[in-house]
């Protein structure tokens, strides 16, 4: 055998030793996540050192069979297992760091858009899950669902949020209040969560509330309410009449007088809308109206008309 052949053979042995070493290092790095796999890695290391494998390929095949039979590996998704393999490869360290940083930014941005503030520990936990499973933007948002639900449940009025959630919460609160009804905390939490995650739009939520709340309180106006018109808008002329006749600066939709003056219950239990002139007559028959400036002016006008009729005016 020539010196050149000897050199070539020695070079191959050196390369094989490096590959064997790399195999065992990666096996240990991967196996640290599971006690049973770690025991198998130690056995693999001993076999390598004893020279039980003729080539690095033989060692690689042996270790791959160990992984195939590992219950820990079998319970991992393909994406998650791939992440552990990447971590075990020292040549991928820079790539792994870059990937984690990118995913952490995606998680933080998704939380910010939802109006959530994540503490560093929770951000790290969610980043770990999203990176290992290779979550896309939609999956990352869903990963935040429990955090959002918890934050909503912990808030008494849902008005302390920022981002899309804060906008939706403020809109829903103002809209329901303007239309004269209060949404329970649990219902509001569920509605806002569905809006935040795109399950429903805020307009869809409002449409459902018109059916469940507004038509229940104002059945005479159900047809127009179901057509998408808020009771606050429908009540505008009636509210102006009531404010003028009762001398009030503002009358909310949850004031009992609004329901009474806008509709009347028929003998068969159904409801009919009151015309404005009927609404005015209804107000004049209330005790509250009797003590108002409008009542005094109305009576004075009536007295003047009577006086004029008899020639006293």
Protein backbone atom coordinates (compact mmCIF):
# COMPACT_ATOMS: atom_id res chain seq x y z
CA UNK A 1 0.00 0.00 0.00
CA UNK A 2 1.40 3.36 -1.00
CA UNK A 3 1.93 6.31 1.30
CA UNK A 4 -0.87 8.10 -0.53
CA UNK A 5 -3.26 5.25 0.24
CA UNK A 6 -2.20 5.35 3.88
CA UNK A 7 -2.83 9.06 4.03
CA UNK A 8 -6.23 8.63 2.42
CA UNK A 9 -7.17 5.88 4.85
CA UNK A 10 -6.02 7.91 7.84
CA UNK A 11 -7.95 10.91 6.61
CA UNK A 12 -11.08 8.77 6.31
CA UNK A 13 -10.62 7.46 9.85
CA UNK A 14 -10.26 11.00 11.13
CA UNK A 15 -13.41 12.07 9.33
CA UNK A 16 -15.27 9.05 10.67
CA UNK A 17 -14.16 9.79 14.23
CA UNK A 18 -15.45 13.34 13.85
CA UNK A 19 -18.77 12.05 12.54
CA UNK A 20 -19.05 9.49 15.35
CA UNK A 21 -18.39 12.24 17.84
CA UNK A 22 -20.96 14.48 16.20
CA UNK A 23 -23.51 11.67 16.27
CA UNK A 24 -23.07 11.06 19.99
CA UNK A 25 -23.12 14.78 20.84
CA UNK A 26 -26.34 15.29 18.94
CA UNK A 27 -27.82 12.14 20.50
CA UNK A 28 -27.05 13.44 24.01
CA UNK A 29 -28.43 16.89 23.20
CA UNK A 30 -31.67 15.46 21.86
CA UNK A 31 -31.98 12.83 24.61
CA UNK A 32 -31.72 15.32 27.47
CA UNK A 33 -35.46 15.93 27.10
CA UNK A 34 -36.42 12.36 28.03
CA UNK A 35 -34.90 10.03 30.69
CA UNK A 36 -35.46 6.85 28.68
CA UNK A 37 -33.93 8.36 25.58
CA UNK A 38 -30.99 9.62 27.63
CA UNK A 39 -30.30 6.07 28.83
CA UNK A 40 -30.40 4.90 25.22
CA UNK A 41 -27.99 7.70 24.24
CA UNK A 42 -25.49 6.56 26.89
CA UNK A 43 -25.68 3.02 25.54
CA UNK A 44 -25.19 4.36 22.02
CA UNK A 45 -22.15 6.33 23.17
CA UNK A 46 -20.60 3.20 24.71
CA UNK A 47 -21.12 1.23 21.50
CA UNK A 48 -19.47 4.00 19.50
CA UNK A 49 -16.46 4.06 21.80
CA UNK A 50 -16.18 0.26 21.65
CA UNK A 51 -16.07 0.42 17.87
CA UNK A 52 -19.29 -1.56 17.35
CA UNK A 53 -20.10 0.41 14.21
CA UNK A 54 -18.05 0.03 11.04
CA UNK A 55 -19.15 3.36 9.57
CA UNK A 56 -20.85 6.55 10.76
CA UNK A 57 -23.82 5.52 8.60
CA UNK A 58 -24.21 2.35 10.69
CA UNK A 59 -24.21 4.47 13.85
CA UNK A 60 -26.70 6.89 12.35
CA UNK A 61 -29.05 4.02 11.40
CA UNK A 62 -28.79 2.53 14.89
CA UNK A 63 -29.66 5.84 16.55
CA UNK A 64 -32.51 6.47 14.12
CA UNK A 65 -34.04 3.12 15.10
CA UNK A 66 -33.82 4.17 18.75
CA UNK A 67 -35.67 7.39 17.92
CA UNK A 68 -38.34 5.54 15.95
CA UNK A 69 -39.09 3.37 18.98
CA UNK A 70 -39.00 6.21 21.52
CA UNK A 71 -42.39 6.94 23.12
CA UNK A 72 -41.29 10.51 23.74
CA UNK A 73 -40.57 11.00 20.05
CA UNK A 74 -43.80 9.27 19.03
CA UNK A 75 -45.79 11.74 21.12
CA UNK A 76 -44.24 14.72 19.35
CA UNK A 77 -45.60 16.31 16.20
CA UNK A 78 -43.32 16.28 13.19
CA UNK A 79 -42.74 20.00 13.60
CA UNK A 80 -41.90 19.70 17.28
CA UNK A 81 -39.51 16.80 16.72
CA UNK A 82 -37.83 18.77 13.97
CA UNK A 83 -37.28 21.66 16.37
CA UNK A 84 -35.52 19.37 18.85
CA UNK A 85 -33.35 17.96 16.07
CA UNK A 86 -32.42 21.50 15.06
CA UNK A 87 -31.49 22.36 18.64
CA UNK A 88 -29.34 19.26 18.90
CA UNK A 89 -27.31 20.27 15.85
CA UNK A 90 -24.64 22.82 16.88
CA UNK A 91 -24.32 24.02 13.30
CA UNK A 92 -27.95 25.23 13.51
CA UNK A 93 -27.51 27.32 16.66
CA UNK A 94 -27.55 30.64 14.84
CA UNK A 95 -30.57 29.67 12.77
CA UNK A 96 -32.46 28.48 15.85
CA UNK A 97 -31.79 31.76 17.65
CA UNK A 98 -32.98 33.76 14.65
CA UNK A 99 -36.13 31.67 14.32
CA UNK A 100 -36.99 32.05 18.01
CA UNK A 101 -36.50 35.82 17.86
CA UNK A 102 -38.77 36.07 14.82
CA UNK A 103 -41.49 33.98 16.46
CA UNK A 104 -41.24 35.97 19.70
CA UNK A 105 -41.83 39.16 17.71
CA UNK A 106 -44.83 37.59 15.98
CA UNK A 107 -46.35 36.52 19.32
CA UNK A 108 -45.76 39.95 20.89
CA UNK A 109 -47.30 41.73 17.89
CA UNK A 110 -50.33 39.44 17.87
CA UNK A 111 -50.86 40.06 21.59
CA UNK A 112 -50.52 43.80 21.10
CA UNK A 113 -53.09 43.79 18.29
CA UNK A 114 -55.51 41.96 20.57
CA UNK A 115 -54.91 44.48 23.35
CA UNK A 116 -53.02 42.04 25.58
CA UNK A 117 -49.96 42.73 27.67
CA UNK A 118 -47.85 39.60 28.21
CA UNK A 119 -45.28 39.39 30.98
CA UNK A 120 -41.82 38.12 29.90
CA UNK A 121 -42.37 34.63 31.30
CA UNK A 122 -45.67 34.15 29.47
CA UNK A 123 -44.21 35.58 26.27
CA UNK A 124 -41.32 33.11 26.49
CA UNK A 125 -43.74 30.22 27.11
CA UNK A 126 -45.95 31.08 24.15
CA UNK A 127 -42.91 31.66 21.93
CA UNK A 128 -41.61 28.21 22.81
CA UNK A 129 -44.92 26.60 21.86
CA UNK A 130 -45.31 28.58 18.64
CA UNK A 131 -41.71 27.97 17.54
CA UNK A 132 -41.74 24.24 18.19
CA UNK A 133 -45.04 23.71 16.35
CA UNK A 134 -44.20 26.13 13.51
CA UNK A 135 -47.42 28.07 14.07
CA UNK A 136 -48.57 30.55 11.43
CA UNK A 137 -50.11 33.92 12.28
CA UNK A 138 -53.62 32.51 12.69
CA UNK A 139 -52.44 29.72 14.96
CA UNK A 140 -50.47 32.20 17.05
CA UNK A 141 -53.64 34.29 17.55
CA UNK A 142 -55.53 31.17 18.64
CA UNK A 143 -52.71 30.39 21.04
CA UNK A 144 -53.57 33.67 22.78
CA UNK A 145 -57.26 32.80 23.18
CA UNK A 146 -56.97 31.60 26.79
CA UNK A 147 -54.93 34.68 27.72
CA UNK A 148 -57.54 36.98 26.22
CA UNK A 149 -60.43 35.12 27.84
CA UNK A 150 -58.70 35.33 31.20
CA UNK A 151 -57.96 39.04 30.80
CA UNK A 152 -61.60 39.75 29.91
CA UNK A 153 -62.87 37.75 32.87
CA UNK A 154 -60.56 39.66 35.22
CA UNK A 155 -61.78 43.05 33.97
CA UNK A 156 -64.93 44.54 35.52
CA UNK A 157 -65.92 46.73 32.56
CA UNK A 158 -63.68 45.56 29.67
CA UNK A 159 -62.68 49.16 29.00
CA UNK A 160 -59.01 48.98 29.97
CA UNK A 161 -57.79 47.28 26.81
CA UNK A 162 -55.92 48.72 23.87
CA UNK A 163 -55.78 47.69 20.23
CA UNK A 164 -58.68 46.08 18.38
CA UNK A 165 -60.10 44.64 21.58
CA UNK A 166 -60.16 48.05 23.26
CA UNK A 167 -61.95 49.59 20.27
CA UNK A 168 -64.54 46.80 20.18
CA UNK A 169 -65.14 46.95 23.94
CA UNK A 170 -65.65 50.72 23.93
CA UNK A 171 -67.94 50.53 20.90
CA UNK A 172 -70.08 47.71 22.33
CA UNK A 173 -70.38 49.38 25.74
CA UNK A 174 -71.40 52.76 24.30
CA UNK A 175 -73.78 51.21 21.77
CA UNK A 176 -75.62 49.01 24.29
CA UNK A 177 -75.89 51.86 26.78
CA UNK A 178 -77.21 54.23 24.12
CA UNK A 179 -79.89 51.69 23.18
CA UNK A 180 -80.97 51.17 26.77
CA UNK A 181 -79.76 47.73 27.78
CA UNK A 182 -76.92 46.20 29.76
CA UNK A 183 -74.98 43.12 28.65
CA UNK A 184 -73.90 40.73 31.39
CA UNK A 185 -70.16 40.51 32.01
CA UNK A 186 -69.98 36.87 30.89
CA UNK A 187 -71.89 37.58 27.70
CA UNK A 188 -69.77 40.64 26.94
CA UNK A 189 -66.57 38.63 27.49
CA UNK A 190 -67.70 35.94 25.07
CA UNK A 191 -68.82 38.47 22.47
CA UNK A 192 -65.60 40.47 22.60
CA UNK A 193 -63.48 37.32 22.40
CA UNK A 194 -65.37 36.17 19.30
CA UNK A 195 -64.83 39.59 17.69
CA UNK A 196 -61.14 39.69 18.63
CA UNK A 197 -60.48 36.29 17.06
CA UNK A 198 -62.57 36.90 13.97
CA UNK A 199 -65.26 34.36 14.81
CA UNK A 200 -67.86 37.09 14.37
CA UNK A 201 -67.81 40.74 13.39
CA UNK A 202 -69.02 43.46 15.74
CA UNK A 203 -71.87 44.14 13.31
CA UNK A 204 -72.96 40.50 13.60
CA UNK A 205 -72.89 40.77 17.39
CA UNK A 206 -75.02 43.91 17.25
CA UNK A 207 -77.50 42.24 14.91
CA UNK A 208 -77.92 39.37 17.38
CA UNK A 209 -78.37 41.82 20.25
CA UNK A 210 -81.05 43.72 18.36
CA UNK A 211 -82.98 40.48 18.14
CA UNK A 212 -82.45 39.35 21.73
CA UNK A 213 -82.61 42.68 23.58
CA UNK A 214 -84.26 45.41 21.50
CA UNK A 215 -87.15 43.44 20.04
CA UNK A 216 -87.83 42.02 23.49
CA UNK A 217 -88.12 45.48 25.01
CA UNK A 218 -89.80 47.12 22.00
CA UNK A 219 -91.84 44.39 20.25
CA UNK A 220 -93.99 46.93 18.40
CA UNK A 221 -90.88 48.05 16.56
CA UNK A 222 -89.49 44.55 15.87
CA UNK A 223 -89.77 44.72 12.09
CA UNK A 224 -87.69 47.89 11.80
CA UNK A 225 -85.23 46.73 14.47
CA UNK A 226 -84.70 43.44 12.64
CA UNK A 227 -84.06 45.45 9.49
CA UNK A 228 -80.98 46.83 11.23
CA UNK A 229 -82.23 50.11 12.70
CA UNK A 230 -81.32 50.73 16.34
CA UNK A 231 -84.12 51.59 18.74
CA UNK A 232 -82.17 54.72 19.72
CA UNK A 233 -82.56 56.03 16.16
CA UNK A 234 -86.21 55.03 15.93
CA UNK A 235 -86.94 56.74 19.24
CA UNK A 236 -85.45 60.10 18.22
CA UNK A 237 -88.76 61.97 17.63
CA UNK A 238 -90.34 60.44 20.75
CA UNK A 239 -87.33 61.30 22.88
CA UNK A 240 -87.47 64.92 21.69
CA UNK A 241 -91.16 65.12 22.56
CA UNK A 242 -90.61 63.65 26.01
CA UNK A 243 -87.67 65.93 26.77
CA UNK A 244 -89.63 68.99 25.70
CA UNK A 245 -92.83 68.12 27.51
CA UNK A 246 -91.17 66.89 30.72
CA UNK A 247 -88.47 69.55 30.77
CA UNK A 248 -85.65 67.04 30.99
CA UNK A 249 -82.25 67.60 29.44
CA UNK A 250 -81.87 63.99 28.37
CA UNK A 251 -83.94 60.82 28.56
CA UNK A 252 -82.17 57.47 28.22
CA UNK A 253 -83.64 54.52 26.36
CA UNK A 254 -83.84 52.51 29.56
CA UNK A 255 -86.25 55.05 31.06
CA UNK A 256 -89.64 53.32 31.46
CA UNK A 257 -91.45 56.25 29.87
CA UNK A 258 -89.80 55.54 26.51
CA UNK A 259 -91.29 52.06 26.30
CA UNK A 260 -94.70 53.32 27.43
CA UNK A 261 -94.93 56.27 25.05
CA UNK A 262 -93.61 54.40 21.99
CA UNK A 263 -95.91 51.38 22.12
CA UNK A 264 -99.16 50.12 23.60
CA UNK A 265 -100.23 46.57 24.43
CA UNK A 266 -103.41 45.42 22.76
CA UNK A 267 -106.13 43.26 24.28
CA UNK A 268 -104.73 40.15 22.58
CA UNK A 269 -101.29 40.72 24.11
CA UNK A 270 -99.65 42.06 20.97
CA UNK A 271 -98.02 45.49 20.80
CA UNK A 272 -98.66 48.41 18.44
CA UNK A 273 -96.65 51.56 17.85
CA UNK A 274 -98.04 54.79 19.26
CA UNK A 275 -98.25 57.72 16.87
CA UNK A 276 -96.50 60.87 18.10
CA UNK A 277 -99.79 62.56 18.95
CA UNK A 278 -100.75 59.50 21.01
CA UNK A 279 -97.40 59.65 22.74
CA UNK A 280 -98.02 63.29 23.65
CA UNK A 281 -101.45 62.40 25.06
CA UNK A 282 -99.87 59.59 27.09
CA UNK A 283 -97.35 62.00 28.63
CA UNK A 284 -100.07 64.48 29.52
CA UNK A 285 -101.74 61.76 31.57
CA UNK A 286 -98.64 61.13 33.69
CA UNK A 287 -98.19 62.59 37.16
CA UNK A 288 -94.74 63.85 36.19
CA UNK A 289 -96.11 66.05 33.43
CA UNK A 290 -98.59 67.74 35.72
CA UNK A 291 -95.83 69.65 37.49
CA UNK A 292 -93.95 70.78 34.38
CA UNK A 293 -93.70 74.16 32.67
CA UNK A 294 -95.26 72.54 29.60
CA UNK A 295 -98.33 71.58 31.62
CA UNK A 296 -98.61 75.10 33.08
CA UNK A 297 -98.31 76.63 29.62
CA UNK A 298 -100.86 74.19 28.21
CA UNK A 299 -103.38 74.94 30.97
CA UNK A 300 -102.80 78.68 30.65
CA UNK A 301 -103.35 78.48 26.92
CA UNK A 302 -106.55 76.56 27.51
CA UNK A 303 -107.78 79.12 30.05
CA UNK A 304 -107.00 81.96 27.68
CA UNK A 305 -108.94 80.22 24.93
CA UNK A 306 -111.94 79.79 27.23
CA UNK A 307 -111.74 83.41 28.38
CA UNK A 308 -111.63 84.62 24.80
CA UNK A 309 -114.63 82.48 23.96
CA UNK A 310 -116.66 84.29 26.65
CA UNK A 311 -115.27 87.68 25.81
CA UNK A 312 -112.88 88.01 28.70
CA UNK A 313 -109.67 87.87 26.68
